[in-house]
C-alpha atoms as a PDB file:
ATOM      1  CA  MET A   1       0.000   0.000   0.000  1.00  0.00           C
ATOM      2  CA  LYS A   2       1.350   3.366  -1.021  1.00  0.00           C
ATOM      3  CA  ARG A   3       1.662   5.915   1.764  1.00  0.00           C
ATOM      4  CA  ILE A   4       2.473   9.610   1.638  1.00  0.00           C
ATOM      5  CA  ASP A   5       3.761  11.936   4.326  1.00  0.00           C
ATOM      6  CA  ILE A   6       2.455  15.477   4.689  1.00  0.00           C
ATOM      7  CA  THR A   7       4.736  17.819   6.583  1.00  0.00           C
ATOM      8  CA  TYR A   8       2.480  20.178   8.488  1.00  0.00           C
ATOM      9  CA  PHE A   9       3.916  23.468   9.744  1.00  0.00           C
ATOM     10  CA  SER A  10       1.800  25.454  12.175  1.00  0.00           C
ATOM     11  CA  ASP A  11       1.887  27.849  15.103  1.00  0.00           C
ATOM     12  CA  LEU A  12      -0.170  26.760  18.113  1.00  0.00           C
ATOM     13  CA  LEU A  13      -1.530  30.274  18.641  1.00  0.00           C
ATOM     14  CA  CYS A  14      -2.652  30.653  15.017  1.00  0.00           C
ATOM     15  CA  VAL A  15      -6.421  30.542  14.663  1.00  0.00           C
ATOM     16  CA  TRP A  16      -6.179  29.375  11.043  1.00  0.00           C
ATOM     17  CA  ALA A  17      -4.321  26.268  12.204  1.00  0.00           C
ATOM     18  CA  TRP A  18      -7.173  25.704  14.660  1.00  0.00           C
ATOM     19  CA  PHE A  19      -9.642  26.060  11.780  1.00  0.00           C
ATOM     20  CA  ALA A  20      -7.599  23.520   9.768  1.00  0.00           C
ATOM     21  CA  GLN A  21      -7.993  20.787  12.389  1.00  0.00           C
ATOM     22  CA  PRO A  22     -11.316  19.367  11.070  1.00  0.00           C
ATOM     23  CA  ARG A  23      -9.743  19.051   7.605  1.00  0.00           C
ATOM     24  CA  ILE A  24      -6.830  17.107   9.040  1.00  0.00           C
ATOM     25  CA  ASP A  25      -9.291  14.905  10.913  1.00  0.00           C
ATOM     26  CA  GLU A  26     -11.262  14.309   7.713  1.00  0.00           C
ATOM     27  CA  VAL A  27      -8.120  13.348   5.788  1.00  0.00           C
ATOM     28  CA  ARG A  28      -7.259  10.836   8.498  1.00  0.00           C
ATOM     29  CA  ALA A  29     -10.790   9.438   8.482  1.00  0.00           C
ATOM     30  CA  ASN A  30     -10.957   9.100   4.686  1.00  0.00           C
ATOM     31  CA  PHE A  31      -7.405   7.983   3.881  1.00  0.00           C
ATOM     32  CA  GLY A  32      -6.414   6.110   7.036  1.00  0.00           C
ATOM     33  CA  ASP A  33      -2.881   4.714   7.034  1.00  0.00           C
ATOM     34  CA  ARG A  34      -2.235   5.916   3.474  1.00  0.00           C
ATOM     35  CA  VAL A  35      -1.559   9.441   4.755  1.00  0.00           C
ATOM     36  CA  SER A  36       0.641  10.480   7.655  1.00  0.00           C
ATOM     37  CA  PHE A  37       0.903  14.030   8.981  1.00  0.00           C
ATOM     38  CA  VAL A  38       4.356  15.009  10.251  1.00  0.00           C
ATOM     39  CA  PRO A  39       3.917  17.921  12.678  1.00  0.00           C
ATOM     40  CA  ARG A  40       6.451  20.744  12.531  1.00  0.00           C
ATOM     41  CA  TYR A  41       6.298  24.223  14.008  1.00  0.00           C
ATOM     42  CA  CYS A  42       6.950  27.707  12.668  1.00  0.00           C
ATOM     43  CA  SER A  43       7.210  30.990  14.536  1.00  0.00           C
ATOM     44  CA  VAL A  44       4.311  33.327  13.829  1.00  0.00           C
ATOM     45  CA  PHE A  45       3.499  34.329  17.402  1.00  0.00           C
ATOM     46  CA  GLY A  46       7.003  34.120  18.830  1.00  0.00           C
ATOM     47  CA  ASP A  47       6.728  37.539  20.499  1.00  0.00           C
ATOM     48  CA  THR A  48       3.088  38.498  20.808  1.00  0.00           C
ATOM     49  CA  ALA A  49       3.693  41.669  22.835  1.00  0.00           C
ATOM     50  CA  ARG A  50       5.638  42.998  19.865  1.00  0.00           C
ATOM     51  CA  LYS A  51       3.634  41.484  17.004  1.00  0.00           C
ATOM     52  CA  ILE A  52       0.027  42.294  17.855  1.00  0.00           C
ATOM     53  CA  PRO A  53       0.352  45.924  19.026  1.00  0.00           C
ATOM     54  CA  ALA A  54       2.553  46.693  16.014  1.00  0.00           C
ATOM     55  CA  GLN A  55       0.364  45.022  13.379  1.00  0.00           C
ATOM     56  CA  TRP A  56      -2.929  46.150  14.908  1.00  0.00           C
ATOM     57  CA  ALA A  57      -1.905  49.607  16.153  1.00  0.00           C
ATOM     58  CA  ASP A  58      -4.351  51.433  13.872  1.00  0.00           C
ATOM     59  CA  LYS A  59      -7.030  48.716  13.976  1.00  0.00           C
ATOM     60  CA  GLY A  60      -7.871  48.553  17.660  1.00  0.00           C
ATOM     61  CA  GLY A  61      -4.862  46.717  19.060  1.00  0.00           C
ATOM     62  CA  TYR A  62      -5.641  43.544  20.980  1.00  0.00           C
ATOM     63  CA  ASP A  63      -9.383  44.266  20.960  1.00  0.00           C
ATOM     64  CA  GLY A  64      -9.309  44.740  17.197  1.00  0.00           C
ATOM     65  CA  PHE A  65      -7.387  41.512  16.723  1.00  0.00           C
ATOM     66  CA  ASN A  66      -9.870  39.710  18.961  1.00  0.00           C
ATOM     67  CA  ALA A  67     -12.799  41.068  16.931  1.00  0.00           C
ATOM     68  CA  HIS A  68     -11.101  39.971  13.701  1.00  0.00           C
ATOM     69  CA  LEU A  69     -10.679  36.406  14.998  1.00  0.00           C
ATOM     70  CA  LEU A  70     -14.260  36.179  16.220  1.00  0.00           C
ATOM     71  CA  HIS A  71     -15.492  37.416  12.837  1.00  0.00           C
ATOM     72  CA  ALA A  72     -13.381  34.760  11.089  1.00  0.00           C
ATOM     73  CA  ALA A  73     -14.666  32.112  13.503  1.00  0.00           C
ATOM     74  CA  ALA A  74     -18.233  32.779  12.359  1.00  0.00           C
ATOM     75  CA  GLY A  75     -17.304  30.964   9.153  1.00  0.00           C
ATOM     76  CA  PHE A  76     -16.405  27.828  11.107  1.00  0.00           C
ATOM     77  CA  PRO A  77     -19.463  27.086  13.276  1.00  0.00           C
ATOM     78  CA  GLU A  78     -18.208  23.572  14.022  1.00  0.00           C
ATOM     79  CA  LEU A  79     -15.363  25.039  16.088  1.00  0.00           C
ATOM     80  CA  THR A  80     -15.326  27.154  19.229  1.00  0.00           C
ATOM     81  CA  VAL A  81     -13.248  30.305  19.639  1.00  0.00           C
ATOM     82  CA  ASN A  82     -13.470  31.763  23.120  1.00  0.00           C
ATOM     83  CA  ALA A  83     -14.356  35.457  23.129  1.00  0.00           C
ATOM     84  CA  GLN A  84     -11.628  36.190  25.688  1.00  0.00           C
ATOM     85  CA  ILE A  85      -8.572  35.195  23.645  1.00  0.00           C
ATOM     86  CA  TRP A  86      -6.190  38.107  23.191  1.00  0.00           C
ATOM     87  CA  ARG A  87      -8.351  40.186  25.523  1.00  0.00           C
ATOM     88  CA  SER A  88      -8.076  38.779  29.037  1.00  0.00           C
ATOM     89  CA  VAL A  89      -5.747  35.954  27.922  1.00  0.00           C
ATOM     90  CA  ARG A  90      -2.583  36.960  26.046  1.00  0.00           C
ATOM     91  CA  PRO A  91       0.086  34.239  25.811  1.00  0.00           C
ATOM     92  CA  ALA A  92       3.534  35.808  25.558  1.00  0.00           C
ATOM     93  CA  SER A  93       4.887  33.373  22.981  1.00  0.00           C
ATOM     94  CA  SER A  94       4.153  30.203  21.049  1.00  0.00           C
ATOM     95  CA  LEU A  95       7.782  29.161  21.461  1.00  0.00           C
ATOM     96  CA  SER A  96       7.315  27.581  24.884  1.00  0.00           C
ATOM     97  CA  PRO A  97       4.354  25.327  23.961  1.00  0.00           C
ATOM     98  CA  HIS A  98       6.143  24.402  20.733  1.00  0.00           C
ATOM     99  CA  LEU A  99       9.150  23.395  22.825  1.00  0.00           C
ATOM    100  CA  MET A 100       6.990  21.223  25.062  1.00  0.00           C
ATOM    101  CA  LEU A 101       5.486  19.474  22.047  1.00  0.00           C
ATOM    102  CA  LYS A 102       8.927  18.733  20.613  1.00  0.00           C
ATOM    103  CA  ALA A 103       9.723  17.113  23.974  1.00  0.00           C
ATOM    104  CA  VAL A 104       6.513  15.086  23.637  1.00  0.00           C
ATOM    105  CA  GLU A 105       7.547  13.985  20.129  1.00  0.00           C
ATOM    106  CA  LEU A 106      10.946  12.895  21.435  1.00  0.00           C
ATOM    107  CA  GLY A 107       9.198  10.885  24.128  1.00  0.00           C
ATOM    108  CA  ALA A 108       7.196   9.093  21.442  1.00  0.00           C
ATOM    109  CA  ALA A 109      10.352   8.442  19.415  1.00  0.00           C
ATOM    110  CA  GLY A 110      11.916   6.902  22.518  1.00  0.00           C
ATOM    111  CA  GLY A 111       8.945   4.608  23.058  1.00  0.00           C
ATOM    112  CA  ALA A 112       7.469   6.392  26.086  1.00  0.00           C
ATOM    113  CA  TRP A 113       4.085   6.603  24.324  1.00  0.00           C
ATOM    114  CA  GLY A 114       2.581   6.284  20.873  1.00  0.00           C
ATOM    115  CA  ALA A 115       1.974   8.814  18.133  1.00  0.00           C
ATOM    116  CA  THR A 116      -1.670   9.087  19.175  1.00  0.00           C
ATOM    117  CA  VAL A 117      -0.580  10.649  22.474  1.00  0.00           C
ATOM    118  CA  THR A 118       1.606  13.136  20.583  1.00  0.00           C
ATOM    119  CA  ASP A 119      -1.338  14.157  18.393  1.00  0.00           C
ATOM    120  CA  ALA A 120      -3.617  14.369  21.428  1.00  0.00           C
ATOM    121  CA  ALA A 121      -1.124  16.586  23.249  1.00  0.00           C
ATOM    122  CA  ALA A 122      -0.985  19.127  20.415  1.00  0.00           C
ATOM    123  CA  LEU A 123      -4.759  19.159  20.055  1.00  0.00           C
ATOM    124  CA  ALA A 124      -5.190  19.523  23.821  1.00  0.00           C
ATOM    125  CA  LEU A 125      -2.978  22.613  23.918  1.00  0.00           C
ATOM    126  CA  ARG A 126      -4.839  24.206  21.001  1.00  0.00           C
ATOM    127  CA  HIS A 127      -8.152  23.403  22.698  1.00  0.00           C
ATOM    128  CA  ALA A 128      -6.901  24.863  25.980  1.00  0.00           C
ATOM    129  CA  PHE A 129      -6.248  28.195  24.279  1.00  0.00           C
ATOM    130  CA  PHE A 130      -8.987  28.557  21.695  1.00  0.00           C
ATOM    131  CA  VAL A 131     -11.837  26.918  23.626  1.00  0.00           C
ATOM    132  CA  ASP A 132     -10.911  27.296  27.292  1.00  0.00           C
ATOM    133  CA  ALA A 133      -8.987  30.600  26.973  1.00  0.00           C
ATOM    134  CA  ARG A 134      -6.032  29.322  28.989  1.00  0.00           C
ATOM    135  CA  ASP A 135      -2.546  30.791  28.715  1.00  0.00           C
ATOM    136  CA  ILE A 136      -0.654  27.972  27.020  1.00  0.00           C
ATOM    137  CA  ALA A 137       2.612  29.903  27.180  1.00  0.00           C
ATOM    138  CA  ASP A 138       2.532  29.323  30.945  1.00  0.00           C
ATOM    139  CA  ALA A 139       4.563  26.276  31.989  1.00  0.00           C
ATOM    140  CA  ALA A 140       2.141  25.235  34.731  1.00  0.00           C
ATOM    141  CA  VAL A 141      -0.772  25.278  32.276  1.00  0.00           C
ATOM    142  CA  GLN A 142       1.233  23.293  29.730  1.00  0.00           C
ATOM    143  CA  ARG A 143       2.134  20.614  32.253  1.00  0.00           C
ATOM    144  CA  GLU A 144      -1.441  20.238  33.464  1.00  0.00           C
ATOM    145  CA  VAL A 145      -2.830  19.997  29.940  1.00  0.00           C
ATOM    146  CA  LEU A 146      -0.167  17.514  28.808  1.00  0.00           C
ATOM    147  CA  ALA A 147      -0.575  15.317  31.877  1.00  0.00           C
ATOM    148  CA  ASP A 148      -4.325  15.156  31.212  1.00  0.00           C
ATOM    149  CA  ALA A 149      -3.524  14.130  27.612  1.00  0.00           C
ATOM    150  CA  GLY A 150      -1.561  11.119  28.865  1.00  0.00           C
ATOM    151  CA  VAL A 151       1.981  12.486  28.727  1.00  0.00           C
ATOM    152  CA  ASP A 152       4.555  11.310  31.281  1.00  0.00           C
ATOM    153  CA  LEU A 153       6.002  14.598  32.502  1.00  0.00           C
ATOM    154  CA  ALA A 154       9.241  12.970  33.655  1.00  0.00           C
ATOM    155  CA  ALA A 155       9.969  11.902  30.075  1.00  0.00           C
ATOM    156  CA  ILE A 156       9.493  15.379  28.654  1.00  0.00           C
ATOM    157  CA  ASP A 157      11.545  16.874  31.471  1.00  0.00           C
ATOM    158  CA  ALA A 158      14.437  14.675  30.350  1.00  0.00           C
ATOM    159  CA  ALA A 159      14.138  15.933  26.761  1.00  0.00           C
ATOM    160  CA  LEU A 160      14.066  19.510  28.005  1.00  0.00           C
ATOM    161  CA  ALA A 161      16.968  19.099  30.417  1.00  0.00           C
ATOM    162  CA  SER A 162      19.210  17.508  27.786  1.00  0.00           C
ATOM    163  CA  GLY A 163      18.583  20.248  25.228  1.00  0.00           C
ATOM    164  CA  ALA A 164      17.213  17.706  22.737  1.00  0.00           C
ATOM    165  CA  ALA A 165      13.818  19.398  22.588  1.00  0.00           C
ATOM    166  CA  HIS A 166      15.466  22.762  21.984  1.00  0.00           C
ATOM    167  CA  ALA A 167      17.494  21.302  19.111  1.00  0.00           C
ATOM    168  CA  ALA A 168      14.371  19.753  17.581  1.00  0.00           C
ATOM    169  CA  LEU A 169      12.498  23.052  17.719  1.00  0.00           C
ATOM    170  CA  ALA A 170      15.469  24.948  16.279  1.00  0.00           C
ATOM    171  CA  SER A 171      15.451  22.443  13.409  1.00  0.00           C
ATOM    172  CA  ASP A 172      11.748  23.067  12.794  1.00  0.00           C
ATOM    173  CA  TYR A 173      12.217  26.827  12.664  1.00  0.00           C
ATOM    174  CA  LYS A 174      15.274  26.561  10.413  1.00  0.00           C
ATOM    175  CA  ASP A 175      13.528  24.151   8.033  1.00  0.00           C
ATOM    176  CA  ALA A 176      10.485  26.416   7.904  1.00  0.00           C
ATOM    177  CA  ASP A 177      12.720  29.226   6.675  1.00  0.00           C
ATOM    178  CA  ALA A 178      14.586  26.989   4.224  1.00  0.00           C
ATOM    179  CA  LEU A 179      11.337  25.652   2.751  1.00  0.00           C
ATOM    180  CA  GLY A 180       9.859  29.110   2.353  1.00  0.00           C
ATOM    181  CA  VAL A 181       7.029  28.557   4.804  1.00  0.00           C
ATOM    182  CA  GLN A 182       5.046  31.800   4.717  1.00  0.00           C
ATOM    183  CA  GLY A 183       2.918  31.189   7.762  1.00  0.00           C
ATOM    184  CA  SER A 184       0.516  28.897   9.546  1.00  0.00           C
ATOM    185  CA  PRO A 185      -0.821  26.469   8.517  1.00  0.00           C
ATOM    186  CA  THR A 186       1.366  25.203   5.677  1.00  0.00           C
ATOM    187  CA  PHE A 187       1.122  21.698   4.215  1.00  0.00           C
ATOM    188  CA  ILE A 188       4.141  20.415   2.278  1.00  0.00           C
ATOM    189  CA  LEU A 189       3.785  17.364   0.032  1.00  0.00           C
ATOM    190  CA  ASN A 190       5.709  15.482  -2.628  1.00  0.00           C
ATOM    191  CA  ASP A 191       9.205  16.199  -1.267  1.00  0.00           C
ATOM    192  CA  GLY A 192       8.539  19.925  -1.231  1.00  0.00           C
ATOM    193  CA  ARG A 193       7.114  20.157  -4.769  1.00  0.00           C
ATOM    194  CA  GLN A 194       3.654  21.053  -3.477  1.00  0.00           C
ATOM    195  CA  LYS A 195       3.074  23.652  -0.771  1.00  0.00           C
ATOM    196  CA  LEU A 196      -0.395  24.591   0.420  1.00  0.00           C
ATOM    197  CA  PHE A 197      -0.590  27.635   2.664  1.00  0.00           C
ATOM    198  CA  GLY A 198      -3.346  29.285   4.637  1.00  0.00           C
ATOM    199  CA  ASN A 199      -7.078  28.655   4.650  1.00  0.00           C
ATOM    200  CA  ILE A 200      -7.026  25.570   2.418  1.00  0.00           C
ATOM    201  CA  GLY A 201     -10.302  23.734   1.851  1.00  0.00           C
ATOM    202  CA  TYR A 202     -10.571  19.988   2.323  1.00  0.00           C
ATOM    203  CA  ARG A 203     -11.161  19.342  -1.396  1.00  0.00           C
ATOM    204  CA  ILE A 204      -7.826  20.946  -2.264  1.00  0.00           C
ATOM    205  CA  LEU A 205      -6.026  18.709   0.213  1.00  0.00           C
ATOM    206  CA  GLU A 206      -7.947  15.708  -1.064  1.00  0.00           C
ATOM    207  CA  ALA A 207      -7.108  16.417  -4.718  1.00  0.00           C
ATOM    208  CA  ASN A 208      -3.395  16.719  -3.983  1.00  0.00           C
ATOM    209  CA  ILE A 209      -3.370  13.544  -1.898  1.00  0.00           C
ATOM    210  CA  GLU A 210      -5.284  11.522  -4.478  1.00  0.00           C
ATOM    211  CA  GLU A 211      -2.914  12.634  -7.236  1.00  0.00           C
ATOM    212  CA  LEU A 212       0.115  11.592  -5.198  1.00  0.00           C
ATOM    213  CA  LEU A 213      -1.432   8.236  -4.337  1.00  0.00           C
ATOM    214  CA  ARG A 214      -2.250   7.693  -8.017  1.00  0.00           C
ATOM    215  CA  ALA A 215       1.162   8.647  -9.437  1.00  0.00           C
ATOM    216  CA  PRO A 216       3.022   5.437 -10.421  1.00  0.00           C
ATOM    217  CA  ASP A 217       6.502   6.990 -10.464  1.00  0.00           C
ATOM    218  CA  PRO A 218       7.706   8.521  -7.173  1.00  0.00           C
ATOM    219  CA  ASP A 219      10.376  10.522  -9.050  1.00  0.00           C
ATOM    220  CA  GLN A 220       7.881  12.075 -11.440  1.00  0.00           C
ATOM    221  CA  ALA A 221       6.628  15.539 -10.514  1.00  0.00           C
ATOM    222  CA  SER A 222       2.897  15.572  -9.917  1.00  0.00           C
ATOM    223  CA  TRP A 223       0.696  17.634 -12.233  1.00  0.00           C
ATOM    224  CA  CYS A 224      -1.635  18.447  -9.337  1.00  0.00           C
END
């Protein structure tokens, strides 16, 4: 059975990555083991106290950004976006939750838990922010959320203490730059030949996947 990997770059604090989650779930439901998502992280909200006031200075600042997100969320009624995000809850950076998730991935690679726990951990942190309006840049919040998702905190502490998680995150950020990742979410397929960025509909993902699964020659560039 032919299988393809989709490298998926996102920022945990990016609402468009939150909106993309049902499409990822649908791909998994429809294609099963033929498609594997490889999670990577890019820095969009690395310094929110600098980014949001600067980019939204003439559009209402944090309140304007909040209103923009809630307006966008109206187009995705299947998902919840808490009205308090970026108003009463303002995570300082996505870097720290990204770092924790790289530690979780290293735990899975070392056999501490399976890939399903890794996926659940990432989804749990997104849910904690967008639905529960919790500050997922806060270490105590991260640890509580990850423990509830089934993560052994001692294992991730080892990955953090050794610097391995930091190296893995640095690699993600460097590869995002090298691959020309413009933002979150970005799906990269076919050894980098196909790059899908932003608010991509399910049918676009499906068409690209089906073309890659159909192609008989792995060295032949896809027409999709």
